[in-house]
Each structure stands twice: as structure tokens, then as C-alpha cells.
C-alpha atoms as a PDB file:
ATOM      1  CA  UNK A   1      80.023 -88.095 -97.972  1.00  0.00           C
ATOM      2  CA  UNK A   2      78.953 -89.786-100.888  1.00  0.00           C
ATOM      3  CA  UNK A   3      77.594 -93.571-100.096  1.00  0.00           C
ATOM      4  CA  UNK A   4      79.502 -96.382-102.226  1.00  0.00           C
ATOM      5  CA  UNK A   5      76.547 -97.185-104.423  1.00  0.00           C
ATOM      6  CA  UNK A   6      76.869 -93.424-105.802  1.00  0.00           C
ATOM      7  CA  UNK A   7      80.680 -93.375-107.146  1.00  0.00           C
ATOM      8  CA  UNK A   8      81.219 -93.594-110.373  1.00  0.00           C
ATOM      9  CA  UNK A   9      84.484 -95.361-110.743  1.00  0.00           C
ATOM     10  CA  UNK A  10      86.794 -95.143-113.064  1.00  0.00           C
ATOM     11  CA  UNK A  11      88.508 -98.506-114.605  1.00  0.00           C
ATOM     12  CA  UNK A  12      92.003 -98.391-116.840  1.00  0.00           C
ATOM     13  CA  UNK A  13      94.067-101.194-118.113  1.00  0.00           C
ATOM     14  CA  UNK A  14      97.498-102.695-119.772  1.00  0.00           C
ATOM     15  CA  UNK A  15      98.789-105.001-121.124  1.00  0.00           C
ATOM     16  CA  UNK A  16     102.204-106.301-120.674  1.00  0.00           C
ATOM     17  CA  UNK A  17     103.809-109.462-122.527  1.00  0.00           C
ATOM     18  CA  UNK A  18     100.950-111.661-121.723  1.00  0.00           C
ATOM     19  CA  UNK A  19      99.427-110.431-118.541  1.00  0.00           C
ATOM     20  CA  UNK A  20      96.442-108.089-118.515  1.00  0.00           C
ATOM     21  CA  UNK A  21      95.937-105.580-115.363  1.00  0.00           C
ATOM     22  CA  UNK A  22      92.796-104.006-115.022  1.00  0.00           C
ATOM     23  CA  UNK A  23      92.192-101.251-112.344  1.00  0.00           C
ATOM     24  CA  UNK A  24      89.040-100.272-110.885  1.00  0.00           C
ATOM     25  CA  UNK A  25      89.728 -96.957-108.673  1.00  0.00           C
ATOM     26  CA  UNK A  26      87.192 -94.912-106.528  1.00  0.00           C
ATOM     27  CA  UNK A  27      88.251 -91.130-107.088  1.00  0.00           C
ATOM     28  CA  UNK A  28      86.607 -90.015-103.748  1.00  0.00           C
ATOM     29  CA  UNK A  29      88.320 -92.398-101.455  1.00  0.00           C
ATOM     30  CA  UNK A  30      91.093 -93.348-103.299  1.00  0.00           C
ATOM     31  CA  UNK A  31      90.484 -97.700-103.027  1.00  0.00           C
ATOM     32  CA  UNK A  32      90.336 -99.800-105.206  1.00  0.00           C
ATOM     33  CA  UNK A  33      90.531-103.184-107.040  1.00  0.00           C
ATOM     34  CA  UNK A  34      93.192-104.536-109.155  1.00  0.00           C
ATOM     35  CA  UNK A  35      92.521-107.518-110.976  1.00  0.00           C
ATOM     36  CA  UNK A  36      95.710-109.519-112.747  1.00  0.00           C
ATOM     37  CA  UNK A  37      95.084-111.847-115.507  1.00  0.00           C
ATOM     38  CA  UNK A  38      97.574-114.332-117.157  1.00  0.00           C
ATOM     39  CA  UNK A  39      97.019-117.711-118.897  1.00  0.00           C
ATOM     40  CA  UNK A  40      93.043-117.170-118.350  1.00  0.00           C
ATOM     41  CA  UNK A  41      93.801-117.129-114.641  1.00  0.00           C
ATOM     42  CA  UNK A  42      92.163-113.890-112.450  1.00  0.00           C
ATOM     43  CA  UNK A  43      93.760-112.640-109.307  1.00  0.00           C
ATOM     44  CA  UNK A  44      92.041-109.938-107.446  1.00  0.00           C
ATOM     45  CA  UNK A  45      93.418-107.788-104.741  1.00  0.00           C
ATOM     46  CA  UNK A  46      92.509-104.542-102.810  1.00  0.00           C
ATOM     47  CA  UNK A  47      94.275-101.005-102.644  1.00  0.00           C
ATOM     48  CA  UNK A  48      93.891 -98.191-101.569  1.00  0.00           C
ATOM     49  CA  UNK A  49      95.902 -95.144-103.245  1.00  0.00           C
ATOM     50  CA  UNK A  50      96.907 -91.302-102.780  1.00  0.00           C
ATOM     51  CA  UNK A  51      95.832 -88.373-104.718  1.00  0.00           C
ATOM     52  CA  UNK A  52      98.122 -88.708-107.432  1.00  0.00           C
ATOM     53  CA  UNK A  53      96.683 -92.422-108.912  1.00  0.00           C
ATOM     54  CA  UNK A  54      95.228 -91.114-112.303  1.00  0.00           C
ATOM     55  CA  UNK A  55      98.583 -89.487-112.951  1.00  0.00           C
ATOM     56  CA  UNK A  56     100.325 -92.506-111.950  1.00  0.00           C
ATOM     57  CA  UNK A  57      98.397 -94.816-114.195  1.00  0.00           C
ATOM     58  CA  UNK A  58      98.773 -92.394-116.917  1.00  0.00           C
ATOM     59  CA  UNK A  59     102.377 -92.470-116.560  1.00  0.00           C
ATOM     60  CA  UNK A  60     102.621 -96.570-115.738  1.00  0.00           C
ATOM     61  CA  UNK A  61     100.966 -96.786-119.170  1.00  0.00           C
ATOM     62  CA  UNK A  62      97.793 -97.734-118.454  1.00  0.00           C
ATOM     63  CA  UNK A  63      94.290 -96.930-120.695  1.00  0.00           C
ATOM     64  CA  UNK A  64      91.156 -95.809-120.048  1.00  0.00           C
ATOM     65  CA  UNK A  65      88.782 -98.930-120.343  1.00  0.00           C
ATOM     66  CA  UNK A  66      85.820-100.088-119.820  1.00  0.00           C
ATOM     67  CA  UNK A  67      83.749-101.078-116.556  1.00  0.00           C
ATOM     68  CA  UNK A  68      82.175-103.838-118.291  1.00  0.00           C
ATOM     69  CA  UNK A  69      85.231-106.071-119.286  1.00  0.00           C
ATOM     70  CA  UNK A  70      86.388-105.674-115.492  1.00  0.00           C
ATOM     71  CA  UNK A  71      82.962-106.668-114.130  1.00  0.00           C
ATOM     72  CA  UNK A  72      83.006-109.854-116.057  1.00  0.00           C
ATOM     73  CA  UNK A  73      86.416-110.824-114.283  1.00  0.00           C
ATOM     74  CA  UNK A  74      85.281-109.226-110.986  1.00  0.00           C
ATOM     75  CA  UNK A  75      82.290-112.020-111.095  1.00  0.00           C
ATOM     76  CA  UNK A  76      84.313-114.810-112.632  1.00  0.00           C
ATOM     77  CA  UNK A  77      81.844-114.696-116.157  1.00  0.00           C
ATOM     78  CA  UNK A  78      84.770-114.941-117.929  1.00  0.00           C
END
């Protein structure tokens, strides 16, 4: 099994009425992190997904995005 540091995560973004949602997906273990940003305040939560997560995100209007934006919020740099 792959080590955590060897996994290439996938990143997604969606904006809805002043709310930005960033999602990081571990495509091997189907786990991830969601960051919700509203009025400059970021909230984070850990997620557990199923095998259909990539299709579900597409159907829900999420677009692929950059790891840079996600990690800036994750580390509190924005």
C-alpha cells in the first residue's frame, strides 16, 4: 500500500453565493479534507468518501483546481 507522502491528491473548487468550497481528495483511500470559506473565515473538516467521489464532485459543479490555493488556506496563510 502507498505511503501517505506518495499519494498525489486531487483538488477541487466550487463557489456558491459568497461561499467557496475547496476539497482535497485522496484517490487511493477515498479520504479528504474540505475547507469552506465564507467572509474570509475558513472552516475545515475531514471527510470519508466512496469510490464515486470524483464523479459526484463533477455532477455537483466542482471544477479541478490547484493545490496551491488549498494549501494556503490549510496552513492559515490566507
